[in-house]
N, C-alpha and C. Protein backbone atom coordinates (compact mmCIF):
# COMPACT_ATOMS: atom_id res chain seq x y z
N MET A 1 71.01 84.03 142.95
CA MET A 1 70.35 83.98 141.66
C MET A 1 70.91 85.05 140.72
N GLU A 2 71.15 86.23 141.25
CA GLU A 2 71.70 87.32 140.43
C GLU A 2 73.09 86.96 139.93
N TYR A 3 73.90 86.30 140.74
CA TYR A 3 75.23 85.87 140.35
C TYR A 3 75.14 84.85 139.21
N ALA A 4 74.22 83.93 139.31
CA ALA A 4 74.03 82.91 138.27
C ALA A 4 73.61 83.55 136.96
N MET A 5 72.80 84.58 137.01
CA MET A 5 72.37 85.27 135.78
C MET A 5 73.55 86.00 135.14
N ARG A 6 74.43 86.59 135.95
CA ARG A 6 75.62 87.26 135.42
C ARG A 6 76.54 86.26 134.73
N VAL A 7 76.77 85.13 135.40
CA VAL A 7 77.62 84.09 134.84
C VAL A 7 77.03 83.60 133.53
N LEU A 8 75.75 83.37 133.53
CA LEU A 8 75.07 82.90 132.31
C LEU A 8 75.18 83.90 131.18
N SER A 9 75.02 85.19 131.49
CA SER A 9 75.13 86.20 130.44
C SER A 9 76.56 86.31 129.91
N ILE A 10 77.56 86.17 130.76
CA ILE A 10 78.96 86.19 130.32
C ILE A 10 79.23 85.00 129.44
N LEU A 11 78.77 83.81 129.83
CA LEU A 11 78.99 82.63 129.02
C LEU A 11 78.28 82.76 127.68
N THR A 12 77.08 83.32 127.67
CA THR A 12 76.35 83.53 126.41
C THR A 12 77.12 84.48 125.51
N PHE A 13 77.64 85.55 126.08
CA PHE A 13 78.43 86.51 125.28
C PHE A 13 79.65 85.87 124.68
N LEU A 14 80.37 85.07 125.50
CA LEU A 14 81.56 84.39 125.01
C LEU A 14 81.23 83.39 123.92
N CYS A 15 80.14 82.66 124.08
CA CYS A 15 79.71 81.72 123.05
C CYS A 15 79.35 82.48 121.78
N PHE A 16 78.65 83.60 121.91
CA PHE A 16 78.28 84.41 120.76
C PHE A 16 79.51 84.90 120.02
N ALA A 17 80.52 85.38 120.75
CA ALA A 17 81.77 85.84 120.12
C ALA A 17 82.45 84.70 119.38
N GLN A 18 82.47 83.51 119.99
CA GLN A 18 83.11 82.37 119.35
C GLN A 18 82.31 81.96 118.12
N CYS A 19 80.99 82.01 118.18
CA CYS A 19 80.15 81.67 117.03
C CYS A 19 80.43 82.62 115.88
N LYS A 20 80.60 83.93 116.19
CA LYS A 20 80.92 84.89 115.15
C LYS A 20 82.26 84.58 114.49
N GLN A 21 83.24 84.22 115.34
CA GLN A 21 84.57 83.89 114.80
C GLN A 21 84.45 82.66 113.90
N ASN A 22 83.68 81.65 114.34
CA ASN A 22 83.51 80.46 113.51
C ASN A 22 82.82 80.76 112.18
N LEU A 23 81.85 81.67 112.23
CA LEU A 23 81.16 82.07 111.00
C LEU A 23 82.13 82.78 110.05
N ILE A 24 82.94 83.69 110.60
CA ILE A 24 83.92 84.40 109.77
C ILE A 24 84.89 83.40 109.15
N THR A 25 85.36 82.45 109.96
CA THR A 25 86.25 81.42 109.47
C THR A 25 85.60 80.63 108.34
N GLN A 26 84.35 80.25 108.52
CA GLN A 26 83.64 79.47 107.48
C GLN A 26 83.51 80.30 106.18
N ILE A 27 83.21 81.59 106.31
CA ILE A 27 83.05 82.44 105.12
C ILE A 27 84.39 82.55 104.37
N ILE A 28 85.46 82.84 105.10
CA ILE A 28 86.76 82.98 104.45
C ILE A 28 87.20 81.65 103.84
N CYS A 29 87.10 80.58 104.61
CA CYS A 29 87.59 79.29 104.12
C CYS A 29 86.80 78.80 102.90
N SER A 30 85.52 79.12 102.85
CA SER A 30 84.72 78.67 101.70
C SER A 30 85.18 79.31 100.39
N LYS A 31 85.96 80.37 100.48
CA LYS A 31 86.44 81.06 99.29
C LYS A 31 87.85 80.64 98.89
N THR A 32 88.40 79.62 99.56
CA THR A 32 89.77 79.16 99.25
C THR A 32 89.73 77.80 98.58
N SER A 33 90.87 77.40 98.03
CA SER A 33 91.01 76.07 97.45
C SER A 33 91.36 75.03 98.50
N TYR A 34 91.60 75.44 99.71
CA TYR A 34 92.06 74.56 100.77
C TYR A 34 91.09 74.63 101.94
N TYR A 35 89.81 74.37 101.66
CA TYR A 35 88.78 74.56 102.68
C TYR A 35 89.07 73.78 103.96
N GLN A 36 89.30 72.48 103.84
CA GLN A 36 89.49 71.65 105.05
C GLN A 36 90.72 72.12 105.85
N LEU A 37 91.81 72.38 105.15
CA LEU A 37 93.02 72.84 105.81
C LEU A 37 92.77 74.20 106.47
N CYS A 38 92.06 75.07 105.80
CA CYS A 38 91.74 76.40 106.33
C CYS A 38 90.93 76.27 107.63
N VAL A 39 89.87 75.50 107.57
CA VAL A 39 89.03 75.34 108.76
C VAL A 39 89.82 74.73 109.92
N ALA A 40 90.58 73.68 109.61
CA ALA A 40 91.39 73.04 110.65
C ALA A 40 92.41 74.01 111.24
N THR A 41 92.99 74.84 110.42
CA THR A 41 94.00 75.77 110.89
C THR A 41 93.41 76.92 111.69
N LEU A 42 92.31 77.45 111.24
CA LEU A 42 91.77 78.66 111.87
C LEU A 42 90.74 78.39 112.95
N SER A 43 90.07 77.25 112.92
CA SER A 43 89.06 76.98 113.91
C SER A 43 89.61 76.82 115.34
N ASN A 44 90.80 76.33 115.41
CA ASN A 44 91.40 76.11 116.73
C ASN A 44 92.20 77.31 117.21
N SER A 45 92.19 78.39 116.48
CA SER A 45 92.95 79.56 116.82
C SER A 45 92.06 80.61 117.46
N HIS A 46 92.38 80.97 118.68
CA HIS A 46 91.65 82.02 119.36
C HIS A 46 92.09 83.39 118.88
N ASP A 47 93.23 83.45 118.20
CA ASP A 47 93.76 84.71 117.72
C ASP A 47 93.38 84.99 116.28
N GLY A 48 92.66 84.07 115.67
CA GLY A 48 92.39 84.21 114.24
C GLY A 48 91.80 85.55 113.85
N VAL A 49 90.81 86.03 114.58
CA VAL A 49 90.21 87.29 114.23
C VAL A 49 91.04 88.48 114.64
N LYS A 50 91.60 88.40 115.83
CA LYS A 50 92.35 89.56 116.35
C LYS A 50 93.63 89.79 115.58
N LEU A 51 94.36 88.78 115.25
CA LEU A 51 95.66 88.95 114.59
C LEU A 51 95.52 89.02 113.06
N GLY A 52 94.46 88.58 112.55
CA GLY A 52 94.29 88.53 111.08
C GLY A 52 94.44 87.09 110.64
N LEU A 53 93.54 86.69 109.82
CA LEU A 53 93.49 85.29 109.40
C LEU A 53 94.75 84.88 108.62
N ALA A 54 95.21 85.71 107.72
CA ALA A 54 96.42 85.36 106.95
C ALA A 54 97.61 85.22 107.87
N ARG A 55 97.75 86.14 108.81
CA ARG A 55 98.89 86.11 109.73
C ARG A 55 98.86 84.81 110.59
N THR A 56 97.68 84.44 111.00
CA THR A 56 97.54 83.20 111.77
C THR A 56 98.00 81.99 110.96
N VAL A 57 97.58 81.92 109.70
CA VAL A 57 97.98 80.80 108.84
C VAL A 57 99.50 80.85 108.61
N ILE A 58 100.08 82.01 108.39
CA ILE A 58 101.52 82.12 108.18
C ILE A 58 102.28 81.71 109.44
N GLU A 59 101.78 82.08 110.61
CA GLU A 59 102.44 81.65 111.84
C GLU A 59 102.46 80.13 111.99
N LYS A 60 101.31 79.51 111.65
CA LYS A 60 101.24 78.05 111.71
C LYS A 60 102.16 77.42 110.65
N ASP A 61 102.25 78.04 109.48
CA ASP A 61 103.14 77.58 108.45
C ASP A 61 104.59 77.71 108.89
N LEU A 62 104.91 78.79 109.56
CA LEU A 62 106.28 78.98 110.07
C LEU A 62 106.63 77.89 111.07
N ALA A 63 105.72 77.55 111.94
CA ALA A 63 105.97 76.46 112.90
C ALA A 63 106.18 75.14 112.16
N LYS A 64 105.36 74.87 111.16
CA LYS A 64 105.50 73.63 110.40
C LYS A 64 106.79 73.64 109.59
N ALA A 65 107.18 74.78 109.02
CA ALA A 65 108.42 74.88 108.26
C ALA A 65 109.63 74.63 109.17
N ASN A 66 109.59 75.16 110.37
CA ASN A 66 110.68 74.89 111.33
C ASN A 66 110.77 73.41 111.68
N LEU A 67 109.62 72.80 111.91
CA LEU A 67 109.57 71.36 112.21
C LEU A 67 110.11 70.56 111.00
N SER A 68 109.73 70.96 109.81
CA SER A 68 110.18 70.27 108.59
C SER A 68 111.66 70.43 108.40
N PHE A 69 112.18 71.59 108.72
CA PHE A 69 113.62 71.84 108.66
C PHE A 69 114.35 70.89 109.60
N GLU A 70 113.89 70.80 110.84
CA GLU A 70 114.52 69.93 111.82
C GLU A 70 114.45 68.47 111.40
N GLN A 71 113.31 68.07 110.86
CA GLN A 71 113.15 66.69 110.42
C GLN A 71 114.06 66.40 109.21
N SER A 72 114.13 67.32 108.28
CA SER A 72 114.98 67.14 107.11
C SER A 72 116.43 67.06 107.52
N LEU A 73 116.82 67.88 108.48
CA LEU A 73 118.19 67.88 109.00
C LEU A 73 118.53 66.53 109.64
N PHE A 74 117.59 65.99 110.38
CA PHE A 74 117.80 64.68 111.01
C PHE A 74 118.07 63.60 109.94
N TYR A 75 117.20 63.55 108.92
CA TYR A 75 117.35 62.57 107.86
C TYR A 75 118.61 62.82 107.04
N PHE A 76 118.94 64.07 106.83
CA PHE A 76 120.14 64.46 106.12
C PHE A 76 121.38 63.91 106.82
N ARG A 77 121.43 64.12 108.12
CA ARG A 77 122.59 63.68 108.91
C ARG A 77 122.70 62.15 108.99
N ASN A 78 121.57 61.48 108.83
CA ASN A 78 121.54 60.03 108.91
C ASN A 78 121.38 59.34 107.57
N ALA A 79 121.62 60.06 106.49
CA ALA A 79 121.47 59.50 105.14
C ALA A 79 122.45 58.34 104.93
N SER A 80 121.94 57.29 104.34
CA SER A 80 122.77 56.09 104.15
C SER A 80 123.35 56.00 102.74
N ASN A 81 122.90 56.85 101.83
CA ASN A 81 123.46 56.81 100.48
C ASN A 81 123.47 58.23 99.89
N ARG A 82 124.14 58.37 98.77
CA ARG A 82 124.31 59.69 98.16
C ARG A 82 122.96 60.28 97.73
N GLY A 83 122.07 59.47 97.18
CA GLY A 83 120.77 59.97 96.74
C GLY A 83 119.97 60.58 97.89
N SER A 84 119.92 59.85 99.00
CA SER A 84 119.21 60.36 100.16
C SER A 84 119.88 61.61 100.70
N TYR A 85 121.20 61.59 100.73
CA TYR A 85 121.97 62.75 101.21
C TYR A 85 121.59 63.99 100.37
N GLU A 86 121.53 63.86 99.07
CA GLU A 86 121.22 64.99 98.21
C GLU A 86 119.76 65.45 98.34
N ARG A 87 118.85 64.47 98.40
CA ARG A 87 117.43 64.83 98.52
C ARG A 87 117.17 65.56 99.83
N TYR A 88 117.64 64.98 100.93
CA TYR A 88 117.38 65.63 102.23
C TYR A 88 118.18 66.91 102.36
N GLY A 89 119.34 66.98 101.73
CA GLY A 89 120.11 68.22 101.74
C GLY A 89 119.35 69.36 101.07
N THR A 90 118.70 69.03 99.96
CA THR A 90 117.84 70.02 99.28
C THR A 90 116.74 70.49 100.21
N CYS A 91 116.11 69.57 100.90
CA CYS A 91 115.01 69.93 101.81
C CYS A 91 115.50 70.77 102.97
N VAL A 92 116.69 70.46 103.49
CA VAL A 92 117.26 71.27 104.57
C VAL A 92 117.40 72.71 104.08
N GLU A 93 117.96 72.92 102.91
CA GLU A 93 118.16 74.26 102.36
C GLU A 93 116.81 74.95 102.14
N GLU A 94 115.89 74.27 101.55
CA GLU A 94 114.59 74.89 101.19
C GLU A 94 113.75 75.23 102.43
N HIS A 95 113.66 74.31 103.36
CA HIS A 95 112.87 74.60 104.57
C HIS A 95 113.54 75.63 105.46
N HIS A 96 114.87 75.63 105.46
CA HIS A 96 115.59 76.66 106.22
C HIS A 96 115.27 78.06 105.65
N ALA A 97 115.28 78.17 104.35
CA ALA A 97 114.97 79.45 103.70
C ALA A 97 113.53 79.88 103.99
N ALA A 98 112.62 78.95 103.95
CA ALA A 98 111.21 79.29 104.23
C ALA A 98 111.03 79.72 105.66
N ALA A 99 111.67 78.97 106.58
CA ALA A 99 111.47 79.21 108.01
C ALA A 99 112.27 80.41 108.54
N SER A 100 113.41 80.67 107.95
CA SER A 100 114.25 81.75 108.50
C SER A 100 114.12 83.08 107.73
N ARG A 101 113.69 83.00 106.48
CA ARG A 101 113.61 84.24 105.70
C ARG A 101 112.19 84.58 105.22
N HIS A 102 111.63 83.71 104.42
CA HIS A 102 110.40 84.06 103.72
C HIS A 102 109.18 84.24 104.61
N LEU A 103 108.94 83.27 105.49
CA LEU A 103 107.74 83.40 106.34
C LEU A 103 107.85 84.50 107.38
N PRO A 104 109.02 84.65 108.05
CA PRO A 104 109.12 85.82 108.95
C PRO A 104 108.99 87.16 108.21
N ALA A 105 109.54 87.22 106.98
CA ALA A 105 109.41 88.45 106.19
C ALA A 105 107.96 88.70 105.82
N ALA A 106 107.20 87.63 105.55
CA ALA A 106 105.77 87.79 105.22
C ALA A 106 105.00 88.34 106.41
N ILE A 107 105.31 87.84 107.59
CA ILE A 107 104.65 88.31 108.82
C ILE A 107 104.97 89.79 109.03
N LYS A 108 106.24 90.12 108.89
CA LYS A 108 106.67 91.52 109.05
C LYS A 108 105.98 92.42 108.03
N ALA A 109 105.89 91.96 106.79
CA ALA A 109 105.23 92.75 105.75
C ALA A 109 103.74 92.94 106.05
N LEU A 110 103.09 91.88 106.49
CA LEU A 110 101.66 92.01 106.86
C LEU A 110 101.49 93.02 107.99
N ASP A 111 102.37 92.92 108.98
CA ASP A 111 102.25 93.83 110.13
C ASP A 111 102.47 95.27 109.74
N SER A 112 103.29 95.52 108.72
CA SER A 112 103.56 96.88 108.28
C SER A 112 102.61 97.32 107.16
N GLY A 113 101.73 96.40 106.74
CA GLY A 113 100.77 96.77 105.71
C GLY A 113 101.24 96.64 104.28
N ASP A 114 102.40 96.04 104.09
CA ASP A 114 102.96 95.86 102.74
C ASP A 114 102.47 94.52 102.17
N ILE A 115 101.26 94.56 101.65
CA ILE A 115 100.58 93.36 101.17
C ILE A 115 101.34 92.69 100.01
N GLN A 116 101.87 93.48 99.10
CA GLN A 116 102.60 92.91 97.95
C GLN A 116 103.79 92.09 98.38
N VAL A 117 104.59 92.64 99.30
CA VAL A 117 105.74 91.90 99.81
C VAL A 117 105.29 90.66 100.56
N ALA A 118 104.23 90.75 101.32
CA ALA A 118 103.72 89.59 102.06
C ALA A 118 103.35 88.47 101.06
N MET A 119 102.70 88.85 99.98
CA MET A 119 102.30 87.85 98.98
C MET A 119 103.54 87.22 98.33
N GLU A 120 104.52 88.02 97.99
CA GLU A 120 105.73 87.52 97.36
C GLU A 120 106.48 86.56 98.30
N GLU A 121 106.57 86.91 99.57
CA GLU A 121 107.29 86.07 100.52
C GLU A 121 106.58 84.76 100.80
N VAL A 122 105.27 84.81 100.89
CA VAL A 122 104.48 83.57 101.11
C VAL A 122 104.59 82.67 99.89
N GLU A 123 104.55 83.28 98.71
CA GLU A 123 104.66 82.51 97.49
C GLU A 123 106.06 81.86 97.40
N SER A 124 107.09 82.59 97.82
CA SER A 124 108.45 82.03 97.84
C SER A 124 108.54 80.85 98.77
N ALA A 125 107.88 80.93 99.92
CA ALA A 125 107.88 79.82 100.88
C ALA A 125 107.19 78.60 100.25
N ALA A 126 106.11 78.81 99.50
CA ALA A 126 105.42 77.70 98.82
C ALA A 126 106.32 77.05 97.80
N ILE A 127 107.04 77.87 97.04
CA ILE A 127 107.95 77.36 96.04
C ILE A 127 109.08 76.53 96.69
N ARG A 128 109.59 77.02 97.81
CA ARG A 128 110.62 76.29 98.54
C ARG A 128 110.12 74.91 98.98
N ALA A 129 108.94 74.88 99.54
CA ALA A 129 108.36 73.61 99.98
C ALA A 129 108.12 72.69 98.79
N GLN A 130 107.67 73.26 97.69
CA GLN A 130 107.45 72.45 96.46
C GLN A 130 108.74 71.86 95.95
N THR A 131 109.82 72.62 96.04
CA THR A 131 111.14 72.10 95.58
C THR A 131 111.53 70.89 96.42
N CYS A 132 111.32 70.98 97.71
CA CYS A 132 111.61 69.79 98.56
C CYS A 132 110.70 68.65 98.18
N LEU A 133 109.42 68.92 98.03
CA LEU A 133 108.44 67.88 97.73
C LEU A 133 108.80 67.14 96.45
N ARG A 134 109.35 67.83 95.46
CA ARG A 134 109.75 67.21 94.19
C ARG A 134 110.84 66.17 94.37
N GLN A 135 111.58 66.24 95.47
CA GLN A 135 112.64 65.26 95.71
C GLN A 135 112.06 63.87 96.02
N PHE A 136 110.76 63.83 96.35
CA PHE A 136 110.15 62.58 96.77
C PHE A 136 108.93 62.23 95.91
N VAL A 137 109.05 62.39 94.61
CA VAL A 137 107.93 62.19 93.70
C VAL A 137 107.35 60.79 93.82
N SER A 138 108.19 59.81 93.90
CA SER A 138 107.71 58.43 93.86
C SER A 138 107.56 57.79 95.24
N GLU A 139 107.82 58.53 96.29
CA GLU A 139 107.69 57.93 97.61
C GLU A 139 107.06 58.92 98.61
N GLU A 140 106.36 58.37 99.56
CA GLU A 140 105.73 59.20 100.60
C GLU A 140 106.54 59.05 101.88
N THR A 141 107.20 60.11 102.25
CA THR A 141 108.02 60.10 103.46
C THR A 141 107.48 61.17 104.42
N PRO A 142 107.86 61.11 105.68
CA PRO A 142 107.45 62.17 106.62
C PRO A 142 107.86 63.56 106.14
N VAL A 143 109.02 63.66 105.55
CA VAL A 143 109.49 64.97 105.05
C VAL A 143 108.60 65.43 103.90
N ALA A 144 108.23 64.50 103.02
CA ALA A 144 107.32 64.87 101.90
C ALA A 144 105.97 65.30 102.42
N GLN A 145 105.44 64.61 103.41
CA GLN A 145 104.14 65.01 103.99
C GLN A 145 104.22 66.40 104.61
N ASP A 146 105.27 66.67 105.36
CA ASP A 146 105.44 67.98 105.97
C ASP A 146 105.64 69.06 104.91
N SER A 147 106.38 68.73 103.85
CA SER A 147 106.61 69.71 102.80
C SER A 147 105.30 70.07 102.12
N ARG A 148 104.45 69.06 101.92
CA ARG A 148 103.15 69.31 101.30
C ARG A 148 102.31 70.23 102.20
N GLU A 149 102.38 70.02 103.49
CA GLU A 149 101.62 70.88 104.41
C GLU A 149 102.16 72.31 104.43
N VAL A 150 103.48 72.45 104.43
CA VAL A 150 104.07 73.78 104.36
C VAL A 150 103.64 74.48 103.08
N HIS A 151 103.68 73.76 101.98
CA HIS A 151 103.27 74.28 100.69
C HIS A 151 101.81 74.72 100.72
N ASP A 152 100.95 73.84 101.17
CA ASP A 152 99.51 74.12 101.15
C ASP A 152 99.14 75.26 102.11
N LEU A 153 99.76 75.31 103.27
CA LEU A 153 99.50 76.42 104.21
C LEU A 153 99.95 77.76 103.59
N ALA A 154 101.08 77.75 102.89
CA ALA A 154 101.55 78.97 102.25
C ALA A 154 100.57 79.42 101.16
N LEU A 155 100.12 78.51 100.38
CA LEU A 155 99.15 78.87 99.32
C LEU A 155 97.80 79.31 99.90
N LEU A 156 97.42 78.68 101.04
CA LEU A 156 96.20 79.10 101.73
C LEU A 156 96.35 80.55 102.20
N ALA A 157 97.47 80.89 102.82
CA ALA A 157 97.72 82.24 103.27
C ALA A 157 97.71 83.20 102.10
N LEU A 158 98.30 82.79 101.00
CA LEU A 158 98.35 83.63 99.80
C LEU A 158 96.92 83.90 99.30
N GLU A 159 96.07 82.89 99.27
CA GLU A 159 94.69 83.09 98.83
C GLU A 159 93.95 84.04 99.76
N ILE A 160 94.16 83.92 101.05
CA ILE A 160 93.49 84.82 101.99
C ILE A 160 93.98 86.25 101.81
N ILE A 161 95.27 86.40 101.61
CA ILE A 161 95.81 87.76 101.38
C ILE A 161 95.24 88.35 100.09
N LYS A 162 95.22 87.56 99.03
CA LYS A 162 94.70 88.03 97.75
C LYS A 162 93.23 88.39 97.84
N MET A 163 92.51 87.68 98.70
CA MET A 163 91.10 87.91 98.91
C MET A 163 90.86 89.27 99.59
N LYS A 164 91.94 89.79 100.15
CA LYS A 164 91.88 91.05 100.91
C LYS A 164 90.81 90.96 101.99
N ALA A 165 90.88 89.89 102.74
CA ALA A 165 89.94 89.68 103.82
C ALA A 165 90.43 90.38 105.07
N TYR A 166 89.74 91.38 105.46
CA TYR A 166 90.11 92.10 106.64
C TYR A 166 88.99 92.02 107.67
N VAL A 167 89.32 91.57 108.80
CA VAL A 167 88.38 91.55 109.90
C VAL A 167 88.66 92.75 110.76
N ILE A 168 87.75 93.70 110.81
CA ILE A 168 87.97 94.92 111.53
C ILE A 168 87.80 94.67 113.04
N ASP A 169 86.77 93.99 113.42
CA ASP A 169 86.59 93.56 114.80
C ASP A 169 85.62 92.37 114.79
N TYR A 170 85.18 91.93 115.96
CA TYR A 170 84.33 90.78 116.02
C TYR A 170 82.97 91.02 115.36
N ASN A 171 82.61 92.25 115.09
CA ASN A 171 81.32 92.53 114.57
C ASN A 171 81.29 92.76 113.06
N MET A 172 82.44 92.97 112.43
CA MET A 172 82.43 93.31 111.03
C MET A 172 83.44 92.48 110.24
N LEU A 173 83.04 92.05 109.08
CA LEU A 173 83.92 91.35 108.15
C LEU A 173 83.79 92.05 106.81
N PHE A 174 84.92 92.45 106.24
CA PHE A 174 84.89 93.08 104.93
C PHE A 174 85.68 92.23 103.97
N LEU A 175 85.08 91.86 102.88
CA LEU A 175 85.77 91.19 101.79
C LEU A 175 85.82 92.18 100.65
N LEU A 176 86.98 92.75 100.43
CA LEU A 176 87.10 93.81 99.42
C LEU A 176 87.47 93.22 98.07
């Protein structure tokens, strides 16, 4: 019986910690323009509070930018006409810049506490994704969908950084 009580108290504590993280996520996300994307991105992350919410979003954006780069490269290599070749070529360049330079630099800047550089790099990644997205104004392609997600994740991270949302630990949330 004593063992069962210990297990129950541990499970209660873990549930309580998760509930706190979900509450923090809800509070932060409610203050952004990308509420649904924010909740979807941060709710499934166990590292959201420990690593910092903005960093978590940027890491997910980096993964999406890498995927978008690979997808753009595939379509670029298989382009059947000059127009497609140019559009996908633009996306290869833009997603490569976001994935290899801007987003890693934003993570590094956040880790070192250089908030201004982090904001500039995340904004640059959003602009890069938007440049690709403009190549497909009149059509919806997988590359356009991915570019929109890279763009929106970058702007979500930017909003969180601008909000100066710092989670000190599981017990405290400060919105400065």
